[in-house]
Amino acid sequence: MNKEADLKLGEPVENRTPPPVPGNDLVLDGSYVTLLPLSAADHGAGLHAANLHDRDGAIWDYLPYGPFATLDDYDSVGAIG
């Protein structure tokens, strides 16, 4: 995590059971948007380019990795499944 001392976190959740992971083929079609599984090949370059606009790296504060200067670095950690 970045900037751990500055993060505002709540209390730990005890006995948490994560929900089941949906299949890789799940696509949700709505009236205004379609949600589909992330793919490094299809979405990695665009997401990395968008992440570069966050100059102070705040979007990575609650993640154990990042920010990434290059697409190769981004791909190497498997940030996108």
Protein backbone atom coordinates (compact mmCIF):
# COMPACT_ATOMS: atom_id res chain seq x y z
CA MET A 1 0.00 0.00 0.00
CA ASN A 2 1.10 3.55 -0.62
CA LYS A 3 0.97 6.26 2.04
CA GLU A 4 -0.17 3.81 4.73
CA ALA A 5 0.05 6.36 7.54
CA ASP A 6 -2.41 8.68 5.76
CA LEU A 7 -5.07 6.11 4.88
CA LYS A 8 -8.42 6.19 6.64
CA LEU A 9 -9.47 2.58 7.13
CA GLY A 10 -12.42 1.16 9.02
CA GLU A 11 -12.42 -1.68 11.51
CA PRO A 12 -11.35 -5.15 10.30
CA VAL A 13 -14.21 -7.41 9.26
CA GLU A 14 -14.05 -10.70 11.15
CA ASN A 15 -15.11 -14.04 9.66
CA ARG A 16 -15.59 -12.55 6.21
CA THR A 17 -16.50 -14.98 3.45
CA PRO A 18 -15.78 -13.64 -0.05
CA PRO A 19 -18.47 -14.09 -2.68
CA PRO A 20 -17.96 -16.72 -5.37
CA VAL A 21 -15.96 -15.59 -8.38
CA PRO A 22 -18.15 -15.38 -11.50
CA GLY A 23 -17.14 -17.31 -14.60
CA ASN A 24 -14.86 -15.69 -17.16
CA ASP A 25 -17.69 -15.59 -19.67
CA LEU A 26 -20.13 -13.49 -17.59
CA VAL A 27 -21.43 -10.51 -19.58
CA LEU A 28 -24.06 -8.17 -18.14
CA ASP A 29 -26.05 -6.17 -20.68
CA GLY A 30 -27.89 -3.14 -19.34
CA SER A 31 -29.81 -0.29 -20.93
CA TYR A 32 -26.81 2.03 -21.00
CA VAL A 33 -23.74 -0.14 -20.48
CA THR A 34 -22.37 -3.63 -21.02
CA LEU A 35 -20.06 -5.09 -18.37
CA LEU A 36 -17.67 -7.80 -19.44
CA PRO A 37 -14.64 -9.51 -17.91
CA LEU A 38 -11.36 -7.60 -17.98
CA SER A 39 -8.73 -8.89 -20.34
CA ALA A 40 -5.11 -7.75 -20.31
CA ALA A 41 -4.96 -8.17 -24.09
CA ASP A 42 -8.15 -6.19 -24.75
CA HIS A 43 -8.08 -3.61 -21.94
CA GLY A 44 -4.55 -3.35 -20.52
CA ALA A 45 -3.14 -0.61 -22.76
CA GLY A 46 -6.21 1.61 -22.41
CA LEU A 47 -6.40 1.22 -18.64
CA HIS A 48 -2.68 1.88 -18.22
CA ALA A 49 -2.96 5.03 -20.35
CA ALA A 50 -5.91 6.22 -18.24
CA ASN A 51 -4.03 5.48 -15.00
CA LEU A 52 -1.16 7.73 -16.11
CA HIS A 53 -3.48 10.75 -15.71
CA ASP A 54 -3.42 10.20 -11.92
CA ARG A 55 -0.20 12.14 -11.33
CA ASP A 56 0.04 11.49 -7.55
CA GLY A 57 -0.84 7.79 -7.78
CA ALA A 58 -3.86 8.08 -5.47
CA ILE A 59 -5.77 5.33 -7.29
CA TRP A 60 -3.17 2.86 -6.01
CA ASP A 61 -3.43 3.84 -2.32
CA TYR A 62 -5.44 0.80 -1.26
CA LEU A 63 -3.65 -1.71 -3.50
CA PRO A 64 -0.47 -3.63 -2.68
CA TYR A 65 1.07 -2.73 -6.07
CA GLY A 66 1.44 0.24 -8.44
CA PRO A 67 1.69 2.82 -9.80
CA PHE A 68 3.38 1.64 -13.00
CA ALA A 69 5.46 3.80 -15.32
CA THR A 70 5.27 1.42 -18.29
CA LEU A 71 2.72 -0.96 -19.76
CA ASP A 72 5.25 -3.81 -19.43
CA ASP A 73 5.51 -3.16 -15.67
CA TYR A 74 1.71 -3.04 -15.45
CA ASP A 75 1.35 -6.33 -17.31
CA SER A 76 4.12 -8.04 -15.31
CA VAL A 77 2.20 -8.00 -12.01
CA GLY A 78 -1.05 -9.26 -13.47
CA ALA A 79 -3.02 -6.20 -12.32
CA ILE A 80 -5.56 -7.19 -14.96
CA GLY A 81 -6.56 -10.85 -15.07
